[in-house]
Protein backbone atom coordinates (compact mmCIF):
# COMPACT_ATOMS: atom_id res chain seq x y z
CA MET A 1 0.00 0.00 0.00
CA GLU A 2 2.89 2.34 0.67
CA GLU A 3 3.87 2.10 -2.99
CA LEU A 4 0.38 3.17 -4.10
CA PHE A 5 0.52 6.22 -1.86
CA GLU A 6 3.95 7.08 -3.23
CA LEU A 7 2.71 6.60 -6.80
CA ARG A 8 -0.24 8.92 -6.18
CA THR A 9 2.10 11.53 -4.72
CA HIS A 10 4.41 11.37 -7.76
CA ILE A 11 1.48 11.76 -10.15
CA GLU A 12 -0.10 14.61 -8.18
CA LYS A 13 3.22 16.46 -8.15
CA GLY A 14 3.74 15.89 -11.87
CA ARG A 15 6.80 13.70 -11.30
CA TYR A 16 5.89 11.26 -14.04
CA ALA A 17 9.37 9.83 -14.52
CA ASP A 18 9.46 8.88 -10.82
CA ALA A 19 5.94 7.45 -11.13
CA LEU A 20 7.01 5.29 -14.09
CA VAL A 21 10.05 3.99 -12.20
CA LEU A 22 7.82 3.12 -9.26
CA LEU A 23 5.33 1.41 -11.57
CA GLY A 24 8.14 -0.72 -12.96
CA GLU A 25 9.17 -1.71 -9.44
CA MET A 26 5.57 -2.57 -8.57
CA GLU A 27 5.23 -4.71 -11.70
CA GLU A 28 8.41 -6.58 -10.78
CA MET A 29 7.19 -7.13 -7.21
CA SER A 30 3.92 -8.51 -8.56
CA ARG A 31 5.73 -10.82 -10.97
CA GLU A 32 8.03 -12.08 -8.22
CA ASP A 33 5.00 -12.77 -6.02
CA LYS A 34 3.41 -14.83 -8.80
CA ILE A 35 6.62 -16.76 -9.37
CA ASN A 36 6.96 -17.50 -5.64
CA LYS A 37 3.40 -18.84 -5.58
CA ILE A 38 4.04 -20.99 -8.65
CA GLU A 39 7.20 -22.42 -7.07
CA SER A 40 5.35 -23.16 -3.82
CA PHE A 41 2.72 -25.13 -5.70
CA LEU A 42 5.48 -26.82 -7.68
CA ASP A 43 7.08 -27.95 -4.40
CA VAL A 44 3.79 -29.48 -3.28
CA LEU A 45 3.38 -31.24 -6.62
CA LEU A 46 6.89 -32.69 -6.56
CA ILE A 47 6.72 -33.74 -2.91
CA HIS A 48 3.59 -35.80 -3.52
CA LEU A 49 4.89 -37.30 -6.76
CA ILE A 50 8.08 -38.34 -4.96
CA LYS A 51 6.13 -39.88 -2.09
CA GLN A 52 3.81 -41.72 -4.47
CA GLN A 53 6.69 -43.24 -6.40
CA ALA A 54 8.78 -44.06 -3.34
CA GLU A 55 5.97 -45.66 -1.35
CA LYS A 56 4.39 -47.20 -4.45
CA ARG A 57 1.00 -46.08 -3.26
CA THR A 58 -1.20 -43.03 -3.13
CA THR A 59 -4.03 -41.65 -1.07
CA ARG A 60 -7.05 -39.59 -1.97
CA SER A 61 -5.47 -36.68 -0.11
CA TRP A 62 -2.22 -36.95 -2.10
CA ASN A 63 -4.16 -37.18 -5.35
CA ALA A 64 -6.16 -34.10 -4.40
CA SER A 65 -2.95 -32.22 -3.53
CA VAL A 66 -1.32 -33.21 -6.83
CA HIS A 67 -4.39 -32.16 -8.82
CA ASN A 68 -4.77 -28.88 -6.91
CA ALA A 69 -1.07 -28.00 -7.18
CA SER A 70 -0.95 -28.57 -10.94
CA ARG A 71 -4.17 -26.59 -11.41
CA GLN A 72 -2.93 -23.73 -9.25
CA ILE A 73 0.37 -23.58 -11.13
CA GLU A 74 -1.55 -22.98 -14.35
CA LYS A 75 -4.01 -20.57 -12.75
CA THR A 76 -1.29 -18.49 -11.12
CA ASN A 77 0.99 -18.53 -14.15
CA LYS A 78 -1.64 -17.26 -16.58
CA ARG A 79 -1.71 -13.51 -17.16
CA ARG A 80 -5.43 -12.92 -17.36
CA LYS A 81 -5.69 -9.40 -18.73
CA ALA A 82 -2.38 -9.08 -20.55
CA GLY A 83 -2.45 -12.61 -21.93
CA GLY A 84 0.43 -15.04 -21.93
CA TYR A 85 2.23 -16.41 -18.90
CA TYR A 86 4.50 -15.15 -16.13
CA LEU A 87 6.85 -18.08 -16.69
CA SER A 88 7.53 -19.47 -20.15
CA GLU A 89 7.66 -23.23 -20.74
CA ASN A 90 11.46 -23.13 -20.49
CA GLU A 91 11.29 -21.18 -17.23
CA LEU A 92 8.75 -23.63 -15.81
CA LYS A 93 11.00 -26.55 -16.76
CA ALA A 94 13.92 -24.78 -15.08
CA SER A 95 11.78 -24.27 -11.97
CA ILE A 96 11.06 -27.99 -11.84
CA GLU A 97 14.81 -28.64 -12.00
CA GLU A 98 15.54 -26.06 -9.30
CA SER A 99 12.74 -27.22 -6.98
CA TYR A 100 13.42 -30.93 -7.12
CA GLN A 101 16.17 -31.17 -4.47
CA ALA A 102 14.27 -29.10 -1.91
CA SER A 103 11.13 -31.13 -2.61
CA LEU A 104 13.09 -34.36 -2.16
CA LYS A 105 14.28 -33.12 1.22
CA TYR A 106 10.72 -32.30 2.34
CA ALA A 107 9.41 -35.60 0.95
CA SER A 108 12.03 -37.49 2.98
CA VAL A 109 10.45 -36.12 6.15
CA GLU A 110 7.00 -37.32 5.08
CA ALA A 111 7.56 -40.54 3.13
CA PHE A 112 7.73 -43.74 5.18
CA GLY A 113 7.19 -41.66 8.32
CA GLY A 114 10.56 -39.96 7.83
CA ALA A 115 12.51 -43.23 8.06
CA PHE A 116 14.87 -42.33 5.18
CA ASP A 117 17.01 -39.26 4.59
CA GLU A 118 16.92 -37.47 1.26
CA ALA A 119 19.88 -39.40 -0.19
CA GLU A 120 18.26 -42.72 0.66
CA LEU A 121 14.91 -41.57 -0.72
CA ALA A 122 16.62 -40.32 -3.89
CA ARG A 123 17.88 -43.86 -4.57
CA MET A 124 14.30 -45.18 -4.33
CA VAL A 125 12.83 -42.94 -7.03
CA ASP A 126 13.45 -42.08 -10.66
CA GLU A 127 14.17 -38.34 -10.65
CA SER A 128 13.76 -37.88 -14.39
CA GLN A 129 10.45 -39.73 -14.39
CA ILE A 130 9.08 -37.58 -11.56
CA LYS A 131 10.15 -34.38 -13.30
CA ALA A 132 8.58 -35.58 -16.55
CA GLN A 133 5.37 -36.49 -14.75
CA ALA A 134 5.23 -33.06 -13.11
CA TRP A 135 5.77 -31.40 -16.49
CA GLU A 136 3.03 -33.49 -18.10
CA MET A 137 0.58 -32.56 -15.37
CA ILE A 138 1.34 -28.86 -15.77
CA LEU A 139 0.97 -29.08 -19.56
CA LYS A 140 -2.31 -30.96 -19.23
CA ASN A 141 -3.76 -28.04 -17.28
CA GLN A 142 -2.55 -25.50 -19.86
CA ASN A 143 -4.54 -27.10 -22.66
């Protein structure tokens, strides 16, 4: 809200260059917020896919979380008024790569009641298959 007050002040005082700089900063903050939300949902998606593969089972709750996370990634990524997406396909793929290790660490706490550390859990799953599955689920929601 402070930024909006500052923006109003710049406009009222005719300081349009300062207002435009502030608008650029606000746009970047908004974009970063969207990206953070996308990456949070991506973590949830990967955690559940890792647990499903490692434990060779699923639950209705895990399925609901996987479905919701993939749907929310698409919903959050889509630029409604401007059209397009906040993250391109290549950026989304890079986010999957970047998020995997952290998701594996969190999954190790949950899978098998936390009996295995992340290195042990990593040996139980096929990383490339999980990443591909996550990507497919995200793409499915885009179409």
